[in-house]
Amino acid sequence: MFKQICILLCVIAFVPAFAQTLTNSPYSRFGVGDIQNINSVRNLSMGGLRYGTSHSYSINTGNPASYRRLAYSTFDISGFSDIQELQTTTATNRLHSAGLNQFAFAFPTRFRTTFAVGLSPYSAVGYRFQNEYTVTLDTQVVNYLVAYSASGGLNNFFGGAAVSLWKGLDIGFNAGFIFGSSNYVWNMTFLENQSLNPVSYQRKIYQQGFNLNVGLQYTDTLKFGSEKQVVVKGGLVYDRGAKLASEQVLISRNLNPNKFTPDTLGGPTNSTVQVPQRWGMGFEFERYITPGAPLSQESYWSLGGDISVQDWSGYTALGNNPGLSNSYRLAVGGEWVPRLVSKIYVVKMAYRLGANYEKTYLVLNGESIRQTGVTFGFGLPFARTASKIHIGGEIGRRGTTSQNLIAENYYRIRIGLSLNERWFTRYRID
């Protein structure tokens, strides 16, 4: 236990040092930014499965009903590091981002109820690029350069619970408070005409609101002959979206160092941002472990799939509809443990693999922005405990270089730690 706590403290100290930039994507300028779809490193290494999967020693925040499958009190913390390659038809730029992936704690009780609490990024905004423009002013052609940059995003602090309705059927919910701010900057510089002062425009947006999602999950076993051999799970989640109170402040300033001009303040302007509802469903098959069987002779495997849909066509921000489209996401993934108990370390490790495909809510210049990814990972067990270190990776691509757009190739590494202990449980001694 002491070794696990030391590793946990190292992870907590390590993550904030890199938590300055969560994304470097120009596509994060639309909507509420890059939706993070955060979950445990185990799930993200299996294609990002959320709805049908559950595990005795890992928290799945994607479906709160899965909390009831936890055997122990579980603490989960993880971080990530990304390398993104932004490509156009003429240039390539490589950027780095890193930050906190998830912080979650869940514990089962004696009353067929499990509680959970956590904090994770909900969305992220971050980019930096520039464009050159030409305009005619009083018959004079003026060339100017605009540098765009943004940072910030939203966080989700949530609490949830799950209860067993009857044998095999669980229901759960997550209630979240979403909060954060984003800062957008446009710096305009005139290239030839020195009499025109460079100008900076800044837009600050503060947002907060509440989110609720409800999940169901059913678990049963299939028999082949006289023995139970396969566990079957199915899950359904409804996310009602969020109505975010939004406050916008506009600031403009003269950037000429030789000519002081007071900042011009616009606002604050108050409005609402409506994040649409989402439906998700999934399934999972896993090997049935016979109670009392020697674990040194037992292997484990699981295989699952997900689909989710979200109607962004009704999305509004600051009273405007930016013309987003419906989105959907598909994911498949699995896990294999050669032996649950073994003296050979690599034999008792968990090996994970998955893939995902997403049609995002963006349609730009007539092109639908799509994203594909391949995931993989490992679970590194501690001795004499169910706790694990999780290492995962993802290689993927979003966007296209067609129609003067940007393609993103990303390479992502995730590291997490799950601690499992018997807390909040009363022991009975005969």
Protein backbone atom coordinates (compact mmCIF):
# COMPACT_ATOMS: atom_id res chain seq x y z
CA MET A 1 0.00 0.00 0.00
CA PHE A 2 2.86 2.37 0.80
CA LYS A 3 4.31 1.88 -2.69
CA GLN A 4 0.92 2.65 -4.27
CA ILE A 5 0.53 5.86 -2.27
CA CYS A 6 4.01 7.00 -3.31
CA ILE A 7 3.19 6.42 -6.98
CA LEU A 8 -0.12 8.25 -6.52
CA LEU A 9 1.62 11.29 -5.03
CA CYS A 10 4.09 11.31 -7.92
CA VAL A 11 1.25 11.26 -10.46
CA ILE A 12 -0.58 14.09 -8.65
CA ALA A 13 2.60 16.17 -8.56
CA PHE A 14 3.52 15.37 -12.17
CA VAL A 15 0.21 16.12 -13.93
CA PRO A 16 -0.30 19.81 -12.97
CA ALA A 17 3.15 20.68 -14.32
CA PHE A 18 1.85 19.89 -17.82
CA ALA A 19 -1.77 20.97 -17.37
CA GLN A 20 -1.42 24.27 -19.25
CA THR A 21 -2.62 23.18 -22.68
CA LEU A 22 -5.21 20.45 -23.26
CA THR A 23 -5.49 20.84 -27.03
CA ASN A 24 -3.87 22.56 -29.99
CA SER A 25 -6.65 22.04 -32.50
CA PRO A 26 -8.05 24.84 -34.72
CA TYR A 27 -11.30 22.84 -34.73
CA SER A 28 -11.72 23.65 -31.03
CA ARG A 29 -12.84 27.17 -32.00
CA PHE A 30 -16.31 25.77 -32.81
CA GLY A 31 -19.08 24.81 -30.41
CA VAL A 32 -17.93 24.52 -26.81
CA GLY A 33 -14.50 23.30 -27.94
CA ASP A 34 -13.08 19.80 -28.15
CA ILE A 35 -15.46 17.48 -26.25
CA GLN A 36 -13.14 15.34 -24.15
CA ASN A 37 -15.22 12.14 -23.57
CA ILE A 38 -13.08 11.38 -20.54
CA ASN A 39 -12.96 7.95 -18.90
CA SER A 40 -10.44 5.66 -17.25
CA VAL A 41 -7.24 4.74 -19.09
CA ARG A 42 -8.48 1.14 -19.20
CA ASN A 43 -11.61 2.09 -21.13
CA LEU A 44 -9.84 4.59 -23.39
CA SER A 45 -7.31 1.89 -24.33
CA MET A 46 -10.23 -0.27 -25.50
CA GLY A 47 -11.46 2.13 -28.17
CA GLY A 48 -13.10 4.39 -25.57
CA LEU A 49 -15.87 1.96 -24.56
CA ARG A 50 -18.41 3.57 -22.22
CA TYR A 51 -21.92 2.17 -22.18
CA GLY A 52 -21.94 -1.64 -21.98
CA THR A 53 -18.67 -2.26 -20.16
CA SER A 54 -17.98 -2.58 -16.45
CA HIS A 55 -15.18 -3.97 -14.29
CA SER A 56 -14.70 -4.97 -10.68
CA TYR A 57 -11.54 -2.87 -10.21
CA SER A 58 -11.89 0.08 -12.60
CA ILE A 59 -14.30 3.06 -12.61
CA ASN A 60 -16.33 3.55 -15.78
CA THR A 61 -17.80 7.07 -15.59
CA GLY A 62 -19.35 6.67 -19.06
CA ASN A 63 -22.23 4.65 -17.63
CA PRO A 64 -22.95 5.39 -13.94
CA ALA A 65 -24.89 2.12 -13.59
CA SER A 66 -21.57 0.29 -13.92
CA TYR A 67 -20.51 1.58 -10.49
CA ARG A 68 -22.45 -1.34 -8.95
CA ARG A 69 -19.98 -3.81 -10.46
CA LEU A 70 -17.08 -2.43 -8.37
CA ALA A 71 -15.82 -4.93 -5.82
CA TYR A 72 -13.71 -2.44 -3.85
CA SER A 73 -13.44 1.22 -3.07
CA THR A 74 -11.54 2.54 -6.09
CA PHE A 75 -9.49 5.68 -6.61
CA ASP A 76 -8.55 6.56 -10.19
CA ILE A 77 -6.28 9.33 -11.43
CA SER A 78 -4.69 9.72 -14.86
CA GLY A 79 -2.97 12.16 -17.17
CA PHE A 80 -2.13 12.35 -20.85
CA SER A 81 0.41 13.73 -23.29
CA ASP A 82 -0.35 14.46 -26.95
CA ILE A 83 1.69 15.19 -30.04
CA GLN A 84 -0.41 16.75 -32.80
CA GLU A 85 0.65 17.23 -36.41
CA LEU A 86 -1.39 19.90 -38.18
CA GLN A 87 -1.26 19.52 -41.96
CA THR A 88 -2.38 21.63 -44.87
CA THR A 89 -1.61 21.07 -48.53
CA THR A 90 1.54 23.20 -48.16
CA ALA A 91 2.80 22.95 -44.58
CA THR A 92 3.04 20.79 -41.44
CA ASN A 93 3.34 21.91 -37.84
CA ARG A 94 3.92 19.72 -34.77
CA LEU A 95 2.60 20.76 -31.36
CA HIS A 96 2.47 19.25 -27.87
CA SER A 97 -0.23 19.29 -25.21
CA ALA A 98 -0.72 17.53 -21.87
CA GLY A 99 -2.88 17.61 -18.79
CA LEU A 100 -5.17 15.88 -16.34
CA ASN A 101 -7.34 13.11 -17.75
CA GLN A 102 -9.54 12.17 -14.80
CA PHE A 103 -9.75 12.17 -11.03
CA ALA A 104 -12.45 9.85 -9.64
CA PHE A 105 -13.33 7.97 -6.48
CA ALA A 106 -16.09 5.37 -6.03
CA PHE A 107 -17.04 3.10 -3.16
CA PRO A 108 -19.66 0.37 -2.73
CA THR A 109 -21.76 0.10 0.44
CA ARG A 110 -23.65 -2.66 2.25
CA PHE A 111 -26.97 -1.36 0.94
CA ARG A 112 -26.60 -2.46 -2.71
CA THR A 113 -25.58 1.12 -3.55
CA THR A 114 -22.32 2.56 -4.86
CA PHE A 115 -21.37 6.24 -4.75
CA ALA A 116 -18.87 8.13 -6.92
CA VAL A 117 -17.35 11.59 -7.19
CA GLY A 118 -14.86 13.02 -9.66
CA LEU A 119 -13.39 15.88 -11.64
CA SER A 120 -12.42 15.86 -15.32
CA PRO A 121 -12.16 18.18 -18.33
CA TYR A 122 -15.47 18.54 -20.20
CA SER A 123 -14.14 20.44 -23.20
CA ALA A 124 -10.95 22.22 -24.23
CA VAL A 125 -10.12 25.23 -26.41
CA GLY A 126 -6.63 25.87 -27.70
CA TYR A 127 -5.09 26.95 -31.01
CA ARG A 128 -2.73 29.43 -32.62
CA PHE A 129 -2.63 30.31 -36.34
CA GLN A 130 -2.63 33.35 -38.64
CA ASN A 131 -4.12 34.43 -41.96
CA GLU A 132 -3.34 37.26 -44.36
CA TYR A 133 -6.17 39.38 -45.79
CA THR A 134 -6.64 42.22 -48.28
CA VAL A 135 -9.18 45.04 -48.04
CA THR A 136 -9.80 48.26 -49.99
CA LEU A 137 -10.01 51.48 -47.95
CA ASP A 138 -10.82 54.67 -49.90
CA THR A 139 -9.47 53.16 -53.14
CA GLN A 140 -6.31 52.06 -51.30
CA VAL A 141 -5.50 48.36 -51.13
CA VAL A 142 -4.43 47.39 -47.61
CA ASN A 143 -2.85 44.07 -46.66
CA TYR A 144 -3.09 42.98 -43.06
CA LEU A 145 -2.27 39.96 -40.94
CA VAL A 146 -4.56 38.49 -38.27
CA ALA A 147 -3.09 36.16 -35.63
CA TYR A 148 -5.72 34.01 -33.92
CA SER A 149 -5.18 32.32 -30.56
CA ALA A 150 -7.36 30.81 -27.85
CA SER A 151 -7.08 28.94 -24.57
CA GLY A 152 -9.32 27.60 -21.83
CA GLY A 153 -12.23 25.20 -21.65
CA LEU A 154 -14.80 23.67 -19.33
CA ASN A 155 -14.45 21.30 -16.37
CA ASN A 156 -16.96 18.85 -14.94
CA PHE A 157 -17.20 18.21 -11.21
CA PHE A 158 -19.64 15.34 -10.72
CA GLY A 159 -21.18 13.10 -8.13
CA GLY A 160 -23.09 9.94 -8.84
CA ALA A 161 -24.65 6.80 -7.46
CA ALA A 162 -25.81 3.40 -8.65
CA VAL A 163 -28.24 0.92 -7.15
CA SER A 164 -29.18 -2.67 -7.97
CA LEU A 165 -32.87 -2.85 -8.90
CA TRP A 166 -32.93 -6.64 -9.06
CA LYS A 167 -30.58 -9.44 -10.01
CA GLY A 168 -28.47 -8.33 -12.96
CA LEU A 169 -30.12 -4.93 -13.51
CA ASP A 170 -28.47 -1.75 -12.22
CA ILE A 171 -29.39 1.91 -12.60
CA GLY A 172 -27.22 4.93 -11.89
CA PHE A 173 -26.81 8.66 -12.44
CA ASN A 174 -24.14 11.34 -12.58
CA ALA A 175 -25.02 14.92 -11.66
CA GLY A 176 -22.34 17.37 -12.74
CA PHE A 177 -21.50 21.04 -12.34
CA ILE A 178 -19.84 22.34 -15.51
CA PHE A 179 -17.74 25.49 -15.20
CA GLY A 180 -14.88 27.30 -16.87
CA SER A 181 -13.82 30.09 -19.19
CA SER A 182 -12.32 30.57 -22.64
CA ASN A 183 -10.20 33.40 -23.96
CA TYR A 184 -10.15 34.25 -27.70
CA VAL A 185 -7.69 36.80 -29.13
CA TRP A 186 -7.34 38.36 -32.62
CA ASN A 187 -4.23 40.50 -33.20
CA MET A 188 -4.43 42.58 -36.37
CA THR A 189 -1.26 44.02 -37.95
CA PHE A 190 -1.16 46.16 -41.12
CA LEU A 191 1.72 45.10 -43.34
CA GLU A 192 2.53 48.17 -45.47
CA ASN A 193 0.59 51.14 -44.12
CA GLN A 194 2.40 52.23 -40.96
CA SER A 195 -0.14 54.98 -40.27
CA LEU A 196 -2.69 52.31 -39.29
CA ASN A 197 -2.17 51.14 -35.74
CA PRO A 198 -2.09 47.43 -34.90
CA VAL A 199 -5.17 46.39 -32.93
CA SER A 200 -6.01 43.53 -30.59
CA TYR A 201 -9.50 42.19 -30.00
CA GLN A 202 -10.15 39.89 -27.07
CA ARG A 203 -13.28 37.93 -26.21
CA LYS A 204 -13.60 36.33 -22.77
CA ILE A 205 -16.43 33.89 -22.13
CA TYR A 206 -17.36 32.58 -18.66
CA GLN A 207 -19.75 29.62 -18.51
CA GLN A 208 -21.38 27.44 -15.90
CA GLY A 209 -24.32 25.09 -15.64
CA PHE A 210 -25.53 21.66 -14.61
CA ASN A 211 -25.52 18.31 -16.37
CA LEU A 212 -27.32 15.05 -15.66
CA ASN A 213 -26.97 11.62 -17.21
CA VAL A 214 -28.77 8.41 -16.31
CA GLY A 215 -27.65 4.89 -17.17
CA LEU A 216 -28.96 1.33 -17.14
CA GLN A 217 -26.85 -1.80 -17.33
CA TYR A 218 -27.95 -5.44 -17.38
CA THR A 219 -25.64 -8.40 -16.74
CA ASP A 220 -26.35 -12.10 -17.32
CA THR A 221 -24.48 -15.30 -18.11
CA LEU A 222 -24.76 -17.70 -21.02
CA LYS A 223 -24.48 -21.43 -20.60
CA PHE A 224 -22.86 -23.77 -23.09
CA GLY A 225 -23.81 -27.26 -22.02
CA SER A 226 -24.10 -27.44 -18.24
CA GLU A 227 -21.53 -24.73 -17.43
CA LYS A 228 -21.66 -20.94 -17.43
CA GLN A 229 -18.98 -19.67 -19.76
CA VAL A 230 -19.75 -16.14 -21.02
CA VAL A 231 -20.99 -13.04 -19.21
CA VAL A 232 -23.21 -10.79 -21.35
CA LYS A 233 -23.72 -7.09 -20.60
CA GLY A 234 -25.86 -4.41 -22.20
CA GLY A 235 -26.01 -0.73 -21.35
CA LEU A 236 -28.04 2.37 -22.20
CA VAL A 237 -27.23 5.98 -21.22
CA TYR A 238 -29.19 9.20 -21.63
CA ASP A 239 -27.28 12.47 -21.24
CA ARG A 240 -29.64 15.44 -21.05
CA GLY A 241 -26.93 17.88 -22.14
CA ALA A 242 -26.45 21.18 -20.34
CA LYS A 243 -27.86 24.68 -20.34
CA LEU A 244 -24.87 26.90 -19.59
CA ALA A 245 -25.18 30.46 -18.33
CA SER A 246 -22.70 32.44 -20.41
CA GLU A 247 -21.16 35.87 -19.86
CA GLN A 248 -19.16 37.49 -22.65
CA VAL A 249 -16.77 40.44 -22.35
CA LEU A 250 -15.17 42.13 -25.39
CA ILE A 251 -11.94 44.12 -25.10
CA SER A 252 -10.17 46.04 -27.86
CA ARG A 253 -6.83 47.80 -27.47
CA ASN A 254 -4.31 49.71 -29.56
CA LEU A 255 -1.01 47.83 -29.81
CA ASN A 256 1.08 50.80 -30.98
CA PRO A 257 3.74 51.24 -28.23
CA ASN A 258 4.23 54.93 -29.16
CA LYS A 259 0.58 55.88 -28.92
CA PHE A 260 -1.39 55.10 -25.80
CA THR A 261 -5.11 54.53 -26.24
CA PRO A 262 -7.38 53.31 -23.43
CA ASP A 263 -8.91 49.85 -23.82
CA THR A 264 -12.44 49.72 -25.11
CA LEU A 265 -14.74 47.47 -23.14
CA GLY A 266 -17.88 45.89 -24.52
CA GLY A 267 -20.33 44.03 -22.29
CA PRO A 268 -20.69 42.03 -20.27
CA THR A 269 -23.32 40.32 -22.41
CA ASN A 270 -25.32 37.54 -20.77
CA SER A 271 -26.89 34.66 -22.67
CA THR A 272 -27.22 30.88 -22.59
CA VAL A 273 -25.45 28.04 -24.40
CA GLN A 274 -27.50 24.90 -24.95
CA VAL A 275 -25.46 21.69 -25.24
CA PRO A 276 -27.72 19.04 -26.81
CA GLN A 277 -28.77 15.70 -25.33
CA ARG A 278 -26.97 12.47 -26.20
CA TRP A 279 -27.99 8.81 -26.34
CA GLY A 280 -25.55 5.93 -26.07
CA MET A 281 -25.81 2.16 -25.98
CA GLY A 282 -23.31 -0.67 -25.85
CA PHE A 283 -22.63 -4.32 -25.17
CA GLU A 284 -19.84 -6.43 -23.76
CA PHE A 285 -18.98 -10.14 -23.61
CA GLU A 286 -16.48 -11.41 -21.08
CA ARG A 287 -15.22 -14.76 -19.90
CA TYR A 288 -17.02 -16.17 -16.87
CA ILE A 289 -14.69 -16.90 -13.95
CA THR A 290 -15.90 -19.92 -11.99
CA PRO A 291 -16.06 -19.14 -8.24
CA GLY A 292 -13.48 -21.12 -6.32
CA ALA A 293 -11.48 -22.09 -9.41
CA PRO A 294 -7.66 -21.80 -9.15
CA LEU A 295 -6.88 -18.33 -10.55
CA SER A 296 -3.49 -19.51 -11.72
CA GLN A 297 -5.35 -21.61 -14.29
CA GLU A 298 -7.91 -18.95 -15.27
CA SER A 299 -7.54 -16.46 -18.11
CA TYR A 300 -9.77 -13.45 -18.76
CA TRP A 301 -11.00 -11.78 -21.92
CA SER A 302 -13.64 -9.21 -22.83
CA LEU A 303 -14.98 -7.75 -26.08
CA GLY A 304 -17.42 -4.86 -26.46
CA GLY A 305 -18.89 -2.23 -28.75
CA ASP A 306 -20.60 1.17 -28.43
CA ILE A 307 -22.64 3.63 -30.45
CA SER A 308 -23.72 7.13 -29.47
CA VAL A 309 -25.64 9.90 -31.26
CA GLN A 310 -26.02 13.60 -30.51
CA ASP A 311 -28.14 16.21 -32.29
CA TRP A 312 -26.05 19.38 -32.54
CA SER A 313 -28.29 21.01 -35.15
CA GLY A 314 -30.18 22.74 -32.34
CA TYR A 315 -27.06 24.00 -30.58
CA THR A 316 -27.18 27.70 -29.74
CA ALA A 317 -24.45 29.96 -28.38
CA LEU A 318 -24.92 33.61 -27.45
CA GLY A 319 -28.30 33.57 -29.18
CA ASN A 320 -26.90 32.24 -32.48
CA ASN A 321 -27.04 28.88 -34.22
CA PRO A 322 -23.61 28.26 -35.82
CA GLY A 323 -24.96 25.54 -38.11
CA LEU A 324 -23.52 22.44 -36.49
CA SER A 325 -24.70 19.00 -37.62
CA ASN A 326 -25.66 15.72 -35.96
CA SER A 327 -22.78 13.59 -34.73
CA TYR A 328 -22.30 9.92 -33.98
CA ARG A 329 -19.51 7.75 -32.63
CA LEU A 330 -18.70 4.04 -32.94
CA ALA A 331 -16.21 2.14 -30.78
CA VAL A 332 -15.02 -1.45 -30.37
CA GLY A 333 -12.44 -2.85 -28.02
CA GLY A 334 -11.32 -5.69 -25.84
CA GLU A 335 -8.98 -6.90 -23.12
CA TRP A 336 -7.03 -10.13 -22.53
CA VAL A 337 -5.24 -11.42 -19.43
CA PRO A 338 -3.40 -14.71 -20.09
CA ARG A 339 -3.48 -15.76 -16.40
CA LEU A 340 -5.12 -13.97 -13.49
CA VAL A 341 -2.38 -15.19 -11.15
CA SER A 342 1.12 -16.10 -12.24
CA LYS A 343 4.73 -15.88 -11.12
CA ILE A 344 5.60 -14.62 -14.61
CA TYR A 345 4.76 -10.90 -14.67
CA VAL A 346 4.01 -10.51 -18.40
CA VAL A 347 1.57 -13.42 -18.19
CA LYS A 348 -0.63 -11.68 -15.59
CA MET A 349 -0.55 -8.29 -17.35
CA ALA A 350 -3.68 -7.02 -19.13
CA TYR A 351 -3.43 -6.38 -22.88
CA ARG A 352 -5.95 -4.02 -24.52
CA LEU A 353 -6.83 -3.05 -28.06
CA GLY A 354 -9.58 -1.02 -29.71
CA ALA A 355 -10.68 1.37 -32.44
CA ASN A 356 -13.16 4.21 -32.86
CA TYR A 357 -14.78 6.25 -35.60
CA GLU A 358 -16.61 9.55 -35.21
CA LYS A 359 -18.52 11.86 -37.46
CA THR A 360 -18.14 15.13 -35.57
CA TYR A 361 -20.64 17.98 -35.48
CA LEU A 362 -18.53 20.08 -37.88
CA VAL A 363 -19.26 20.62 -41.57
CA LEU A 364 -16.77 23.13 -43.04
CA ASN A 365 -16.58 24.21 -46.67
CA GLY A 366 -18.96 21.38 -47.51
CA GLU A 367 -16.74 18.75 -45.86
CA SER A 368 -17.86 16.67 -42.86
CA ILE A 369 -15.06 16.52 -40.30
CA ARG A 370 -14.48 12.91 -39.29
CA GLN A 371 -12.14 11.27 -36.81
CA THR A 372 -10.69 7.76 -36.61
CA GLY A 373 -8.38 6.23 -34.03
CA VAL A 374 -6.69 3.00 -32.99
CA THR A 375 -6.05 2.42 -29.28
CA PHE A 376 -3.91 0.03 -27.26
CA GLY A 377 -2.75 -0.35 -23.71
CA PHE A 378 -1.50 -2.44 -20.81
CA GLY A 379 -2.52 -3.03 -17.21
CA LEU A 380 0.43 -3.50 -14.84
CA PRO A 381 -0.69 -5.21 -11.62
CA PHE A 382 0.78 -4.69 -8.17
CA ALA A 383 1.70 -7.73 -6.09
CA ARG A 384 -0.95 -9.08 -3.70
CA THR A 385 -3.54 -6.43 -4.58
CA ALA A 386 -6.06 -5.57 -7.29
CA SER A 387 -4.50 -2.12 -7.89
CA LYS A 388 -2.89 -1.42 -11.26
CA ILE A 389 -0.89 1.06 -13.26
CA HIS A 390 -2.52 1.64 -16.64
CA ILE A 391 -0.62 2.72 -19.75
CA GLY A 392 -2.51 3.45 -22.95
CA GLY A 393 -1.92 4.93 -26.37
CA GLU A 394 -3.93 6.18 -29.32
CA ILE A 395 -2.99 6.97 -32.91
CA GLY A 396 -5.58 8.81 -34.95
CA ARG A 397 -6.53 11.39 -37.53
CA ARG A 398 -9.16 14.11 -37.68
CA GLY A 399 -10.14 16.32 -40.58
CA THR A 400 -8.90 16.58 -44.16
CA THR A 401 -6.70 18.81 -46.29
CA SER A 402 -9.44 19.08 -48.93
CA GLN A 403 -11.24 22.40 -49.42
CA ASN A 404 -8.34 24.31 -47.76
CA LEU A 405 -8.97 22.59 -44.41
CA ILE A 406 -6.58 21.18 -41.84
CA ALA A 407 -5.86 17.51 -41.11
CA GLU A 408 -4.72 16.53 -37.63
CA ASN A 409 -2.61 13.46 -36.93
CA TYR A 410 -2.35 12.81 -33.21
CA TYR A 411 -0.26 10.48 -31.05
CA ARG A 412 -1.53 10.21 -27.49
CA ILE A 413 -0.09 8.57 -24.38
CA ARG A 414 -2.14 8.10 -21.21
CA ILE A 415 -0.89 7.00 -17.79
CA GLY A 416 -3.21 6.18 -14.92
CA LEU A 417 -3.30 4.61 -11.49
CA SER A 418 -6.22 2.77 -9.90
CA LEU A 419 -6.06 1.96 -6.19
CA ASN A 420 -8.45 -0.66 -4.81
CA GLU A 421 -9.09 -1.16 -1.09
CA ARG A 422 -11.92 -2.41 1.13
CA TRP A 423 -13.14 0.83 2.67
CA PHE A 424 -16.61 1.64 4.03
CA THR A 425 -17.27 -2.08 4.51
CA ARG A 426 -18.18 -3.66 7.85
CA TYR A 427 -16.58 -7.04 8.43
CA ARG A 428 -18.53 -9.74 10.28
CA ILE A 429 -16.64 -12.29 12.38
CA ASP A 430 -18.39 -15.47 13.51
